[in-house]
Amino acid sequence: MKESLYGLPCFTKIDKISTIASGLSQSCFKVNADNKVYFAKTVTNKIEVSMAICASKSGLSPSVIYHDQDWLICNFIDANNLAQSTIDTEEIILHAIQLMAQCHQLNIKPDKLAAKDICNTLINNAHYSTPQKTALLQFGELILAPLGDIKPTVCCHGDLNFSNVLMNQAQSTWLVDYECACTAPIEYDLAMLIAVNNLASNKITIIIEQYEIHSSVNVDPQLLNHYLFFCYFINALWYFNTSHEKANIENNQALLKHAKKQWYALQSSLKTDDSPLLSRLSIKLTNVLATLDLNNQT
């Protein structure tokens, strides 16, 4: 795939291509060409390109130089991501929330969040036995029950991992990586921010407060909580599935560690309320984790 960069019409002479290994999904490269530096990423869906173009026009993301069915080429930003930052966690959250609020204002409507389809796709994986799939599907039904056809919705980033926020020395920031973009309630994006960054529950109040300040939109804490269960669930499944697909043993172990964190964060969050739904979820999750036998995974 890397070699195909040499044939792209946006480059006249490529001097160097360096692999960027920080991501867990698509292949990314730093390209030195024509006395400039570019960021190149393989793409799997059209919405990522459309989102990147729209976001770049608003100044939210780096400028898009070229795109086709396989590649997205942008200006390279000389910056670290927030996951690498040494600034205080609450300041990191503030930067992420500011960008999220801007993303929610973009004049573009990606596909609607298909929560049930996401769950079913992740569960119908060859790595699960029939009893495991049955248990996961039953648990998924309980998770999805409170998430009906909810309005209003906005343009959500869908994966606001701190590694997807770039910040340079002047503390200018950019939001990148739109492959999970979707149209959904604001509470979904906020929930994914909390889940994918493994933020402690005591940060939720400040996250809600900061979002309401920067957007002038009220957040529904109960809906946020329901989406948080959903995000922990799909993240855990994605990490678990991907850990079985990677050839690198070290990467497998890192992914499995991420999966465990999501499962146990879900388990912990279900103990914060004694409602009938959460009680059923908690009991079902205990059974699910027992069938997966995470402690014996390598």
Foldseek 3Di string as FASTA:
>chain_A
DVVCVVVDPLADDWDDWAWDDPDDDWTWIWTCGPNFIKIKTFADDPVQQVLQCQCVVVVQAFHWRDDDNTMTIGGDDPFAFQVPDPDDPLVLLLVLLLSQLVQQPGPDAAAADPLLVLQLVLLPDPVDDPVLSVLSNVLSCLLCVVPDPDDDKGWGQQASASRQWTQHPVRDIHGHDRNRIHIGHPLLNLLNHCQQNVNDPVCSVVSQVSNCVNNVDHDDVVVSLSSNLSNLSSQLSVLQRSLVVDPDVVSSVVSLVSSVSSLVVSLVSLVPDDDPSSVVSNVSSVVSCVSVVSVPDD
